[in-house]
PDB file of N, CA and C in Angstrom:
ATOM      1  N   UNK A   1     -50.158 -11.893  27.638  1.00  0.00           N
ATOM      2  CA  UNK A   1     -49.033 -12.544  28.281  1.00  0.00           C
ATOM      3  C   UNK A   1     -47.734 -11.861  27.854  1.00  0.00           C
ATOM      4  N   UNK A   2     -46.822 -11.732  28.779  1.00  0.00           N
ATOM      5  CA  UNK A   2     -45.495 -11.172  28.528  1.00  0.00           C
ATOM      6  C   UNK A   2     -44.476 -12.281  28.708  1.00  0.00           C
ATOM      7  N   UNK A   3     -43.580 -12.404  27.735  1.00  0.00           N
ATOM      8  CA  UNK A   3     -42.495 -13.381  27.813  1.00  0.00           C
ATOM      9  C   UNK A   3     -41.181 -12.604  27.798  1.00  0.00           C
ATOM     10  N   UNK A   4     -40.265 -13.006  28.645  1.00  0.00           N
ATOM     11  CA  UNK A   4     -38.967 -12.341  28.727  1.00  0.00           C
ATOM     12  C   UNK A   4     -37.855 -13.323  28.360  1.00  0.00           C
ATOM     13  N   UNK A   5     -36.925 -12.860  27.545  1.00  0.00           N
ATOM     14  CA  UNK A   5     -35.764 -13.667  27.149  1.00  0.00           C
ATOM     15  C   UNK A   5     -34.529 -13.106  27.842  1.00  0.00           C
ATOM     16  N   UNK A   6     -33.735 -13.990  28.381  1.00  0.00           N
ATOM     17  CA  UNK A   6     -32.512 -13.547  29.048  1.00  0.00           C
ATOM     18  C   UNK A   6     -32.796 -12.610  30.206  1.00  0.00           C
ATOM     19  N   UNK A   7     -33.810 -12.943  30.990  1.00  0.00           N
ATOM     20  CA  UNK A   7     -34.209 -12.077  32.096  1.00  0.00           C
ATOM     21  C   UNK A   7     -33.165 -12.089  33.204  1.00  0.00           C
ATOM     22  N   UNK A   8     -32.804 -10.922  33.628  1.00  0.00           N
ATOM     23  CA  UNK A   8     -31.872 -10.776  34.735  1.00  0.00           C
ATOM     24  C   UNK A   8     -32.469  -9.869  35.794  1.00  0.00           C
ATOM     25  N   UNK A   9     -31.692  -9.562  36.791  1.00  0.00           N
ATOM     26  CA  UNK A   9     -32.159  -8.706  37.877  1.00  0.00           C
ATOM     27  C   UNK A   9     -32.460  -7.291  37.394  1.00  0.00           C
ATOM     28  N   UNK A  10     -31.617  -6.771  36.500  1.00  0.00           N
ATOM     29  CA  UNK A  10     -31.742  -5.385  36.045  1.00  0.00           C
ATOM     30  C   UNK A  10     -32.541  -5.237  34.756  1.00  0.00           C
ATOM     31  N   UNK A  11     -32.394  -6.194  33.839  1.00  0.00           N
ATOM     32  CA  UNK A  11     -33.065  -6.076  32.545  1.00  0.00           C
ATOM     33  C   UNK A  11     -33.210  -7.428  31.890  1.00  0.00           C
ATOM     34  N   UNK A  12     -34.086  -7.474  30.902  1.00  0.00           N
ATOM     35  CA  UNK A  12     -34.227  -8.654  30.039  1.00  0.00           C
ATOM     36  C   UNK A  12     -33.586  -8.313  28.711  1.00  0.00           C
ATOM     37  N   UNK A  13     -33.014  -9.312  28.060  1.00  0.00           N
ATOM     38  CA  UNK A  13     -32.425  -9.069  26.746  1.00  0.00           C
ATOM     39  C   UNK A  13     -33.504  -8.763  25.723  1.00  0.00           C
ATOM     40  N   UNK A  14     -34.701  -9.341  25.930  1.00  0.00           N
ATOM     41  CA  UNK A  14     -35.833  -9.068  25.040  1.00  0.00           C
ATOM     42  C   UNK A  14     -37.120  -9.307  25.815  1.00  0.00           C
ATOM     43  N   UNK A  15     -38.143  -8.571  25.426  1.00  0.00           N
ATOM     44  CA  UNK A  15     -39.478  -8.745  25.993  1.00  0.00           C
ATOM     45  C   UNK A  15     -40.446  -8.918  24.842  1.00  0.00           C
ATOM     46  N   UNK A  16     -41.294  -9.932  24.943  1.00  0.00           N
ATOM     47  CA  UNK A  16     -42.265 -10.232  23.891  1.00  0.00           C
ATOM     48  C   UNK A  16     -43.666  -9.984  24.442  1.00  0.00           C
ATOM     49  N   UNK A  17     -44.442  -9.220  23.681  1.00  0.00           N
ATOM     50  CA  UNK A  17     -45.824  -8.936  24.082  1.00  0.00           C
ATOM     51  C   UNK A  17     -46.635  -8.537  22.860  1.00  0.00           C
ATOM     52  N   UNK A  18     -47.805  -9.122  22.742  1.00  0.00           N
ATOM     53  CA  UNK A  18     -48.785  -8.691  21.736  1.00  0.00           C
ATOM     54  C   UNK A  18     -48.219  -8.688  20.310  1.00  0.00           C
ATOM     55  N   UNK A  19     -47.441  -9.711  19.970  1.00  0.00           N
ATOM     56  CA  UNK A  19     -46.927  -9.840  18.615  1.00  0.00           C
ATOM     57  C   UNK A  19     -45.705  -8.998  18.299  1.00  0.00           C
ATOM     58  N   UNK A  20     -45.102  -8.387  19.326  1.00  0.00           N
ATOM     59  CA  UNK A  20     -43.897  -7.580  19.126  1.00  0.00           C
ATOM     60  C   UNK A  20     -42.799  -8.065  20.056  1.00  0.00           C
ATOM     61  N   UNK A  21     -41.564  -7.929  19.609  1.00  0.00           N
ATOM     62  CA  UNK A  21     -40.413  -8.222  20.456  1.00  0.00           C
ATOM     63  C   UNK A  21     -39.589  -6.942  20.566  1.00  0.00           C
ATOM     64  N   UNK A  22     -39.297  -6.582  21.802  1.00  0.00           N
ATOM     65  CA  UNK A  22     -38.532  -5.389  22.123  1.00  0.00           C
ATOM     66  C   UNK A  22     -37.168  -5.831  22.626  1.00  0.00           C
ATOM     67  N   UNK A  23     -36.113  -5.505  21.906  1.00  0.00           N
ATOM     68  CA  UNK A  23     -34.770  -5.885  22.329  1.00  0.00           C
ATOM     69  C   UNK A  23     -34.132  -4.757  23.123  1.00  0.00           C
ATOM     70  N   UNK A  24     -33.479  -5.127  24.218  1.00  0.00           N
ATOM     71  CA  UNK A  24     -32.664  -4.173  24.964  1.00  0.00           C
ATOM     72  C   UNK A  24     -31.504  -3.751  24.066  1.00  0.00           C
ATOM     73  N   UNK A  25     -30.884  -2.640  24.396  1.00  0.00           N
ATOM     74  CA  UNK A  25     -29.708  -2.212  23.647  1.00  0.00           C
ATOM     75  C   UNK A  25     -28.638  -3.281  23.689  1.00  0.00           C
ATOM     76  N   UNK A  26     -28.173  -3.680  22.520  1.00  0.00           N
ATOM     77  CA  UNK A  26     -27.161  -4.735  22.401  1.00  0.00           C
ATOM     78  C   UNK A  26     -25.797  -4.099  22.163  1.00  0.00           C
ATOM     79  N   UNK A  27     -24.799  -4.597  22.879  1.00  0.00           N
ATOM     80  CA  UNK A  27     -23.432  -4.096  22.752  1.00  0.00           C
ATOM     81  C   UNK A  27     -22.506  -5.270  22.424  1.00  0.00           C
ATOM     82  N   UNK A  28     -21.341  -4.974  21.871  1.00  0.00           N
ATOM     83  CA  UNK A  28     -20.410  -6.050  21.523  1.00  0.00           C
ATOM     84  C   UNK A  28     -19.771  -6.677  22.758  1.00  0.00           C
ATOM     85  N   UNK A  29     -19.259  -7.889  22.582  1.00  0.00           N
ATOM     86  CA  UNK A  29     -18.531  -8.568  23.648  1.00  0.00           C
ATOM     87  C   UNK A  29     -17.039  -8.260  23.600  1.00  0.00           C
ATOM     88  N   UNK A  30     -16.489  -8.187  22.393  1.00  0.00           N
ATOM     89  CA  UNK A  30     -15.054  -7.930  22.233  1.00  0.00           C
ATOM     90  C   UNK A  30     -14.855  -6.440  21.988  1.00  0.00           C
ATOM     91  N   UNK A  31     -14.414  -5.742  23.015  1.00  0.00           N
ATOM     92  CA  UNK A  31     -14.249  -4.291  22.926  1.00  0.00           C
ATOM     93  C   UNK A  31     -12.877  -3.880  22.413  1.00  0.00           C
ATOM     94  N   UNK A  32     -12.038  -4.860  22.076  1.00  0.00           N
ATOM     95  CA  UNK A  32     -10.692  -4.551  21.587  1.00  0.00           C
ATOM     96  C   UNK A  32     -10.653  -4.329  20.078  1.00  0.00           C
ATOM     97  N   UNK A  33     -11.804  -4.550  19.407  1.00  0.00           N
ATOM     98  CA  UNK A  33     -11.844  -4.442  17.940  1.00  0.00           C
ATOM     99  C   UNK A  33     -12.508  -3.128  17.523  1.00  0.00           C
ATOM    100  N   UNK A  34     -12.423  -2.810  16.238  1.00  0.00           N
ATOM    101  CA  UNK A  34     -12.946  -1.566  15.705  1.00  0.00           C
ATOM    102  C   UNK A  34     -14.450  -1.587  15.475  1.00  0.00           C
ATOM    103  N   UNK A  35     -14.934  -0.500  14.928  1.00  0.00           N
ATOM    104  CA  UNK A  35     -16.370  -0.306  14.729  1.00  0.00           C
ATOM    105  C   UNK A  35     -16.974  -1.382  13.832  1.00  0.00           C
ATOM    106  N   UNK A  36     -16.290  -1.774  12.765  1.00  0.00           N
ATOM    107  CA  UNK A  36     -16.860  -2.793  11.863  1.00  0.00           C
ATOM    108  C   UNK A  36     -17.096  -4.110  12.585  1.00  0.00           C
ATOM    109  N   UNK A  37     -16.094  -4.581  13.313  1.00  0.00           N
ATOM    110  CA  UNK A  37     -16.221  -5.847  14.030  1.00  0.00           C
ATOM    111  C   UNK A  37     -17.228  -5.733  15.169  1.00  0.00           C
ATOM    112  N   UNK A  38     -17.232  -4.603  15.878  1.00  0.00           N
ATOM    113  CA  UNK A  38     -18.207  -4.433  16.951  1.00  0.00           C
ATOM    114  C   UNK A  38     -19.626  -4.398  16.389  1.00  0.00           C
ATOM    115  N   UNK A  39     -19.817  -3.707  15.280  1.00  0.00           N
ATOM    116  CA  UNK A  39     -21.153  -3.660  14.666  1.00  0.00           C
ATOM    117  C   UNK A  39     -21.596  -5.054  14.241  1.00  0.00           C
ATOM    118  N   UNK A  40     -20.705  -5.829  13.671  1.00  0.00           N
ATOM    119  CA  UNK A  40     -21.040  -7.196  13.262  1.00  0.00           C
ATOM    120  C   UNK A  40     -21.421  -8.056  14.461  1.00  0.00           C
ATOM    121  N   UNK A  41     -20.694  -7.896  15.567  1.00  0.00           N
ATOM    122  CA  UNK A  41     -21.026  -8.644  16.783  1.00  0.00           C
ATOM    123  C   UNK A  41     -22.435  -8.295  17.269  1.00  0.00           C
ATOM    124  N   UNK A  42     -22.738  -7.001  17.305  1.00  0.00           N
ATOM    125  CA  UNK A  42     -24.043  -6.554  17.795  1.00  0.00           C
ATOM    126  C   UNK A  42     -25.157  -7.056  16.882  1.00  0.00           C
ATOM    127  N   UNK A  43     -24.968  -6.958  15.588  1.00  0.00           N
ATOM    128  CA  UNK A  43     -25.996  -7.428  14.644  1.00  0.00           C
ATOM    129  C   UNK A  43     -26.186  -8.938  14.766  1.00  0.00           C
ATOM    130  N   UNK A  44     -25.110  -9.672  15.038  1.00  0.00           N
ATOM    131  CA  UNK A  44     -25.225 -11.104  15.283  1.00  0.00           C
ATOM    132  C   UNK A  44     -26.040 -11.407  16.529  1.00  0.00           C
ATOM    133  N   UNK A  45     -25.858 -10.617  17.583  1.00  0.00           N
ATOM    134  CA  UNK A  45     -26.659 -10.789  18.801  1.00  0.00           C
ATOM    135  C   UNK A  45     -28.132 -10.508  18.509  1.00  0.00           C
ATOM    136  N   UNK A  46     -28.382  -9.479  17.705  1.00  0.00           N
ATOM    137  CA  UNK A  46     -29.764  -9.154  17.341  1.00  0.00           C
ATOM    138  C   UNK A  46     -30.370 -10.308  16.558  1.00  0.00           C
ATOM    139  N   UNK A  47     -29.642 -10.846  15.595  1.00  0.00           N
ATOM    140  CA  UNK A  47     -30.129 -12.010  14.830  1.00  0.00           C
ATOM    141  C   UNK A  47     -30.511 -13.153  15.768  1.00  0.00           C
ATOM    142  N   UNK A  48     -29.643 -13.450  16.728  1.00  0.00           N
ATOM    143  CA  UNK A  48     -29.887 -14.573  17.643  1.00  0.00           C
ATOM    144  C   UNK A  48     -31.106 -14.329  18.529  1.00  0.00           C
ATOM    145  N   UNK A  49     -31.242 -13.131  19.063  1.00  0.00           N
ATOM    146  CA  UNK A  49     -32.401 -12.826  19.912  1.00  0.00           C
ATOM    147  C   UNK A  49     -33.698 -12.844  19.119  1.00  0.00           C
ATOM    148  N   UNK A  50     -33.668 -12.308  17.907  1.00  0.00           N
ATOM    149  CA  UNK A  50     -34.867 -12.336  17.073  1.00  0.00           C
ATOM    150  C   UNK A  50     -35.258 -13.772  16.740  1.00  0.00           C
ATOM    151  N   UNK A  51     -34.286 -14.610  16.435  1.00  0.00           N
ATOM    152  CA  UNK A  51     -34.574 -16.021  16.148  1.00  0.00           C
ATOM    153  C   UNK A  51     -35.181 -16.702  17.374  1.00  0.00           C
ATOM    154  N   UNK A  52     -34.635 -16.422  18.544  1.00  0.00           N
ATOM    155  CA  UNK A  52     -35.170 -17.007  19.775  1.00  0.00           C
ATOM    156  C   UNK A  52     -36.609 -16.550  20.013  1.00  0.00           C
ATOM    157  N   UNK A  53     -36.926 -15.344  19.575  1.00  0.00           N
ATOM    158  CA  UNK A  53     -38.277 -14.808  19.739  1.00  0.00           C
ATOM    159  C   UNK A  53     -39.233 -15.308  18.650  1.00  0.00           C
ATOM    160  N   UNK A  54     -38.698 -15.979  17.640  1.00  0.00           N
ATOM    161  CA  UNK A  54     -39.541 -16.501  16.570  1.00  0.00           C
ATOM    162  C   UNK A  54     -39.729 -15.554  15.404  1.00  0.00           C
ATOM    163  N   UNK A  55     -38.753 -14.686  15.177  1.00  0.00           N
ATOM    164  CA  UNK A  55     -38.837 -13.745  14.066  1.00  0.00           C
ATOM    165  C   UNK A  55     -37.440 -13.527  13.489  1.00  0.00           C
ATOM    166  N   UNK A  56     -37.282 -12.521  12.649  1.00  0.00           N
ATOM    167  CA  UNK A  56     -35.989 -12.254  12.036  1.00  0.00           C
ATOM    168  C   UNK A  56     -35.848 -10.809  11.643  1.00  0.00           C
ATOM    169  N   UNK A  57     -34.696 -10.472  11.079  1.00  0.00           N
ATOM    170  CA  UNK A  57     -34.399  -9.076  10.772  1.00  0.00           C
ATOM    171  C   UNK A  57     -35.305  -8.473   9.708  1.00  0.00           C
ATOM    172  N   UNK A  58     -35.954  -9.286   8.901  1.00  0.00           N
ATOM    173  CA  UNK A  58     -36.900  -8.746   7.912  1.00  0.00           C
ATOM    174  C   UNK A  58     -38.148  -8.164   8.566  1.00  0.00           C
ATOM    175  N   UNK A  59     -38.360  -8.485   9.845  1.00  0.00           N
ATOM    176  CA  UNK A  59     -39.544  -8.012  10.572  1.00  0.00           C
ATOM    177  C   UNK A  59     -39.234  -6.872  11.540  1.00  0.00           C
ATOM    178  N   UNK A  60     -38.018  -6.324  11.472  1.00  0.00           N
ATOM    179  CA  UNK A  60     -37.684  -5.200  12.351  1.00  0.00           C
ATOM    180  C   UNK A  60     -38.485  -3.975  11.912  1.00  0.00           C
ATOM    181  N   UNK A  61     -39.150  -3.362  12.872  1.00  0.00           N
ATOM    182  CA  UNK A  61     -39.941  -2.164  12.616  1.00  0.00           C
ATOM    183  C   UNK A  61     -39.127  -0.900  12.845  1.00  0.00           C
ATOM    184  N   UNK A  62     -38.407  -0.845  13.957  1.00  0.00           N
ATOM    185  CA  UNK A  62     -37.583   0.317  14.275  1.00  0.00           C
ATOM    186  C   UNK A  62     -36.249  -0.128  14.848  1.00  0.00           C
ATOM    187  N   UNK A  63     -35.246   0.689  14.635  1.00  0.00           N
ATOM    188  CA  UNK A  63     -33.922   0.463  15.216  1.00  0.00           C
ATOM    189  C   UNK A  63     -33.388   1.799  15.710  1.00  0.00           C
ATOM    190  N   UNK A  64     -32.771   1.770  16.874  1.00  0.00           N
ATOM    191  CA  UNK A  64     -32.084   2.943  17.401  1.00  0.00           C
ATOM    192  C   UNK A  64     -30.623   2.571  17.562  1.00  0.00           C
ATOM    193  N   UNK A  65     -29.756   3.373  16.965  1.00  0.00           N
ATOM    194  CA  UNK A  65     -28.320   3.126  16.978  1.00  0.00           C
ATOM    195  C   UNK A  65     -27.651   4.273  17.725  1.00  0.00           C
ATOM    196  N   UNK A  66     -26.806   3.908  18.688  1.00  0.00           N
ATOM    197  CA  UNK A  66     -26.022   4.911  19.405  1.00  0.00           C
ATOM    198  C   UNK A  66     -24.562   4.719  19.057  1.00  0.00           C
ATOM    199  N   UNK A  67     -23.930   5.790  18.621  1.00  0.00           N
ATOM    200  CA  UNK A  67     -22.504   5.794  18.310  1.00  0.00           C
ATOM    201  C   UNK A  67     -21.829   6.843  19.190  1.00  0.00           C
ATOM    202  N   UNK A  68     -20.823   6.484  19.962  1.00  0.00           N
ATOM    203  CA  UNK A  68     -20.145   7.497  20.768  1.00  0.00           C
ATOM    204  C   UNK A  68     -19.314   8.459  19.924  1.00  0.00           C
ATOM    205  N   UNK A  69     -19.004   8.047  18.707  1.00  0.00           N
ATOM    206  CA  UNK A  69     -18.243   8.916  17.801  1.00  0.00           C
ATOM    207  C   UNK A  69     -18.964   8.927  16.457  1.00  0.00           C
ATOM    208  N   UNK A  70     -19.647  10.010  16.147  1.00  0.00           N
ATOM    209  CA  UNK A  70     -20.437  10.086  14.911  1.00  0.00           C
ATOM    210  C   UNK A  70     -19.547   9.980  13.670  1.00  0.00           C
ATOM    211  N   UNK A  71     -18.250  10.139  13.844  1.00  0.00           N
ATOM    212  CA  UNK A  71     -17.323   9.934  12.722  1.00  0.00           C
ATOM    213  C   UNK A  71     -17.345   8.473  12.255  1.00  0.00           C
ATOM    214  N   UNK A  72     -17.869   7.556  13.086  1.00  0.00           N
ATOM    215  CA  UNK A  72     -17.998   6.143  12.713  1.00  0.00           C
ATOM    216  C   UNK A  72     -19.252   5.876  11.875  1.00  0.00           C
ATOM    217  N   UNK A  73     -20.069   6.883  11.648  1.00  0.00           N
ATOM    218  CA  UNK A  73     -21.361   6.725  10.981  1.00  0.00           C
ATOM    219  C   UNK A  73     -21.240   6.042   9.616  1.00  0.00           C
ATOM    220  N   UNK A  74     -20.367   6.510   8.760  1.00  0.00           N
ATOM    221  CA  UNK A  74     -20.244   5.952   7.402  1.00  0.00           C
ATOM    222  C   UNK A  74     -19.778   4.499   7.445  1.00  0.00           C
ATOM    223  N   UNK A  75     -18.799   4.200   8.281  1.00  0.00           N
ATOM    224  CA  UNK A  75     -18.293   2.831   8.381  1.00  0.00           C
ATOM    225  C   UNK A  75     -19.379   1.924   8.952  1.00  0.00           C
ATOM    226  N   UNK A  76     -20.068   2.392   9.996  1.00  0.00           N
ATOM    227  CA  UNK A  76     -21.166   1.606  10.552  1.00  0.00           C
ATOM    228  C   UNK A  76     -22.200   1.304   9.474  1.00  0.00           C
ATOM    229  N   UNK A  77     -22.540   2.296   8.675  1.00  0.00           N
ATOM    230  CA  UNK A  77     -23.562   2.103   7.639  1.00  0.00           C
ATOM    231  C   UNK A  77     -23.177   1.046   6.614  1.00  0.00           C
ATOM    232  N   UNK A  78     -21.898   0.862   6.339  1.00  0.00           N
ATOM    233  CA  UNK A  78     -21.509  -0.188   5.388  1.00  0.00           C
ATOM    234  C   UNK A  78     -21.831  -1.571   5.965  1.00  0.00           C
ATOM    235  N   UNK A  79     -21.610  -1.741   7.270  1.00  0.00           N
ATOM    236  CA  UNK A  79     -21.929  -3.012   7.923  1.00  0.00           C
ATOM    237  C   UNK A  79     -23.448  -3.185   7.989  1.00  0.00           C
ATOM    238  N   UNK A  80     -24.141  -2.137   8.382  1.00  0.00           N
ATOM    239  CA  UNK A  80     -25.607  -2.168   8.474  1.00  0.00           C
ATOM    240  C   UNK A  80     -26.231  -2.497   7.118  1.00  0.00           C
ATOM    241  N   UNK A  81     -25.786  -1.803   6.077  1.00  0.00           N
ATOM    242  CA  UNK A  81     -26.371  -1.984   4.738  1.00  0.00           C
ATOM    243  C   UNK A  81     -26.185  -3.408   4.228  1.00  0.00           C
ATOM    244  N   UNK A  82     -25.073  -4.037   4.566  1.00  0.00           N
ATOM    245  CA  UNK A  82     -24.841  -5.424   4.151  1.00  0.00           C
ATOM    246  C   UNK A  82     -25.711  -6.393   4.945  1.00  0.00           C
ATOM    247  N   UNK A  83     -26.143  -6.000   6.129  1.00  0.00           N
ATOM    248  CA  UNK A  83     -26.918  -6.868   7.019  1.00  0.00           C
ATOM    249  C   UNK A  83     -28.420  -6.783   6.769  1.00  0.00           C
ATOM    250  N   UNK A  84     -28.929  -5.590   6.501  1.00  0.00           N
ATOM    251  CA  UNK A  84     -30.377  -5.405   6.333  1.00  0.00           C
ATOM    252  C   UNK A  84     -30.822  -6.025   5.003  1.00  0.00           C
ATOM    253  N   UNK A  85     -31.864  -6.854   5.036  1.00  0.00           N
ATOM    254  CA  UNK A  85     -32.356  -7.447   3.788  1.00  0.00           C
ATOM    255  C   UNK A  85     -32.893  -6.368   2.837  1.00  0.00           C
ATOM    256  N   UNK A  86     -32.648  -6.563   1.555  1.00  0.00           N
ATOM    257  CA  UNK A  86     -33.143  -5.615   0.552  1.00  0.00           C
ATOM    258  C   UNK A  86     -34.655  -5.474   0.672  1.00  0.00           C
ATOM    259  N   UNK A  87     -35.109  -4.238   0.700  1.00  0.00           N
ATOM    260  CA  UNK A  87     -36.532  -3.958   0.783  1.00  0.00           C
ATOM    261  C   UNK A  87     -37.120  -4.067   2.172  1.00  0.00           C
ATOM    262  N   UNK A  88     -36.290  -4.329   3.181  1.00  0.00           N
ATOM    263  CA  UNK A  88     -36.800  -4.505   4.541  1.00  0.00           C
ATOM    264  C   UNK A  88     -36.142  -3.548   5.536  1.00  0.00           C
ATOM    265  N   UNK A  89     -35.701  -2.394   5.043  1.00  0.00           N
ATOM    266  CA  UNK A  89     -35.075  -1.429   5.948  1.00  0.00           C
ATOM    267  C   UNK A  89     -36.096  -0.901   6.945  1.00  0.00           C
ATOM    268  N   UNK A  90     -35.778  -0.951   8.243  1.00  0.00           N
ATOM    269  CA  UNK A  90     -36.706  -0.436   9.249  1.00  0.00           C
ATOM    270  C   UNK A  90     -36.594   1.082   9.374  1.00  0.00           C
ATOM    271  N   UNK A  91     -37.537   1.673  10.083  1.00  0.00           N
ATOM    272  CA  UNK A  91     -37.354   3.057  10.512  1.00  0.00           C
ATOM    273  C   UNK A  91     -36.152   3.041  11.446  1.00  0.00           C
ATOM    274  N   UNK A  92     -35.256   4.034  11.314  1.00  0.00           N
ATOM    275  CA  UNK A  92     -34.026   3.986  12.099  1.00  0.00           C
ATOM    276  C   UNK A  92     -33.602   5.384  12.523  1.00  0.00           C
ATOM    277  N   UNK A  93     -33.117   5.464  13.739  1.00  0.00           N
ATOM    278  CA  UNK A  93     -32.475   6.676  14.233  1.00  0.00           C
ATOM    279  C   UNK A  93     -31.049   6.316  14.602  1.00  0.00           C
ATOM    280  N   UNK A  94     -30.123   7.203  14.314  1.00  0.00           N
ATOM    281  CA  UNK A  94     -28.726   6.995  14.675  1.00  0.00           C
ATOM    282  C   UNK A  94     -28.236   8.297  15.297  1.00  0.00           C
ATOM    283  N   UNK A  95     -27.809   8.209  16.545  1.00  0.00           N
ATOM    284  CA  UNK A  95     -27.402   9.412  17.256  1.00  0.00           C
ATOM    285  C   UNK A  95     -26.040   9.223  17.909  1.00  0.00           C
ATOM    286  N   UNK A  96     -25.366  10.331  18.098  1.00  0.00           N
ATOM    287  CA  UNK A  96     -24.114  10.313  18.840  1.00  0.00           C
ATOM    288  C   UNK A  96     -24.454  10.409  20.323  1.00  0.00           C
ATOM    289  N   UNK A  97     -23.906   9.502  21.110  1.00  0.00           N
ATOM    290  CA  UNK A  97     -24.195   9.491  22.540  1.00  0.00           C
ATOM    291  C   UNK A  97     -23.047   8.865  23.303  1.00  0.00           C
ATOM    292  N   UNK A  98     -22.790   9.370  24.465  1.00  0.00           N
ATOM    293  CA  UNK A  98     -21.781   8.782  25.336  1.00  0.00           C
ATOM    294  C   UNK A  98     -22.353   7.484  25.905  1.00  0.00           C
ATOM    295  N   UNK A  99     -21.619   6.404  25.788  1.00  0.00           N
ATOM    296  CA  UNK A  99     -22.058   5.113  26.308  1.00  0.00           C
ATOM    297  C   UNK A  99     -21.361   4.826  27.629  1.00  0.00           C
ATOM    298  N   UNK A 100     -21.894   3.876  28.380  1.00  0.00           N
ATOM    299  CA  UNK A 100     -21.392   3.582  29.728  1.00  0.00           C
ATOM    300  C   UNK A 100     -19.915   3.204  29.733  1.00  0.00           C
ATOM    301  N   UNK A 101     -19.488   2.466  28.730  1.00  0.00           N
ATOM    302  CA  UNK A 101     -18.095   2.034  28.631  1.00  0.00           C
ATOM    303  C   UNK A 101     -17.484   2.717  27.413  1.00  0.00           C
ATOM    304  N   UNK A 102     -16.416   3.489  27.587  1.00  0.00           N
ATOM    305  CA  UNK A 102     -15.840   4.220  26.446  1.00  0.00           C
ATOM    306  C   UNK A 102     -15.255   3.327  25.352  1.00  0.00           C
ATOM    307  N   UNK A 103     -15.073   2.018  25.615  1.00  0.00           N
ATOM    308  CA  UNK A 103     -14.565   1.103  24.589  1.00  0.00           C
ATOM    309  C   UNK A 103     -15.667   0.576  23.678  1.00  0.00           C
ATOM    310  N   UNK A 104     -16.916   0.782  24.062  1.00  0.00           N
ATOM    311  CA  UNK A 104     -18.041   0.363  23.218  1.00  0.00           C
ATOM    312  C   UNK A 104     -18.194   1.381  22.096  1.00  0.00           C
ATOM    313  N   UNK A 105     -18.176   0.903  20.859  1.00  0.00           N
ATOM    314  CA  UNK A 105     -18.264   1.790  19.693  1.00  0.00           C
ATOM    315  C   UNK A 105     -19.666   1.871  19.105  1.00  0.00           C
ATOM    316  N   UNK A 106     -20.571   0.948  19.527  1.00  0.00           N
ATOM    317  CA  UNK A 106     -21.946   0.954  18.988  1.00  0.00           C
ATOM    318  C   UNK A 106     -22.865   0.190  19.945  1.00  0.00           C
ATOM    319  N   UNK A 107     -24.085   0.684  20.046  1.00  0.00           N
ATOM    320  CA  UNK A 107     -25.158  -0.002  20.755  1.00  0.00           C
ATOM    321  C   UNK A 107     -26.405   0.130  19.904  1.00  0.00           C
ATOM    322  N   UNK A 108     -27.169  -0.964  19.815  1.00  0.00           N
ATOM    323  CA  UNK A 108     -28.370  -0.970  18.965  1.00  0.00           C
ATOM    324  C   UNK A 108     -29.510  -1.623  19.710  1.00  0.00           C
ATOM    325  N   UNK A 109     -30.697  -0.997  19.643  1.00  0.00           N
ATOM    326  CA  UNK A 109     -31.930  -1.570  20.168  1.00  0.00           C
ATOM    327  C   UNK A 109     -32.934  -1.636  19.020  1.00  0.00           C
ATOM    328  N   UNK A 110     -33.739  -2.688  18.975  1.00  0.00           N
ATOM    329  CA  UNK A 110     -34.736  -2.817  17.920  1.00  0.00           C
ATOM    330  C   UNK A 110     -36.080  -3.285  18.485  1.00  0.00           C
ATOM    331  N   UNK A 111     -37.107  -3.003  17.726  1.00  0.00           N
ATOM    332  CA  UNK A 111     -38.442  -3.537  17.960  1.00  0.00           C
ATOM    333  C   UNK A 111     -38.824  -4.245  16.662  1.00  0.00           C
ATOM    334  N   UNK A 112     -39.307  -5.480  16.784  1.00  0.00           N
ATOM    335  CA  UNK A 112     -39.664  -6.257  15.602  1.00  0.00           C
ATOM    336  C   UNK A 112     -41.031  -6.913  15.789  1.00  0.00           C
ATOM    337  N   UNK A 113     -41.694  -7.151  14.672  1.00  0.00           N
ATOM    338  CA  UNK A 113     -42.959  -7.883  14.674  1.00  0.00           C
ATOM    339  C   UNK A 113     -42.664  -9.375  14.666  1.00  0.00           C
ATOM    340  N   UNK A 114     -43.548 -10.124  15.296  1.00  0.00           N
ATOM    341  CA  UNK A 114     -43.482 -11.590  15.227  1.00  0.00           C
ATOM    342  C   UNK A 114     -44.643 -12.002  14.331  1.00  0.00           C
ATOM    343  N   UNK A 115     -44.309 -12.449  13.139  1.00  0.00           N
ATOM    344  CA  UNK A 115     -45.336 -12.778  12.142  1.00  0.00           C
ATOM    345  C   UNK A 115     -45.647 -14.259  12.124  1.00  0.00           C
TER     346      UNK A 115
END
């Protein structure tokens, strides 16, 4: 069985199948703030979607982070490091990429286990 959270015409915010939850790339809502605040917003959205799926950030298996400006990497990592539970760091890729909206400073997608 496949369960979809926040299903829309174009995409679902998350898809659950076979004990895994796949989150669509999450972006911030307030684009007027800097990388730290945008990263916190995105991580908060991830927390909420994982909770709705019946899991949490300690069960994240992989994360993909897109930054339109790789110069934000160190600052982003300070927010990320404070958010990830000790001993539960997922496999992660972080790449510089042009995003659809130039005001978006970070986008993150994750796959997590539902235990």
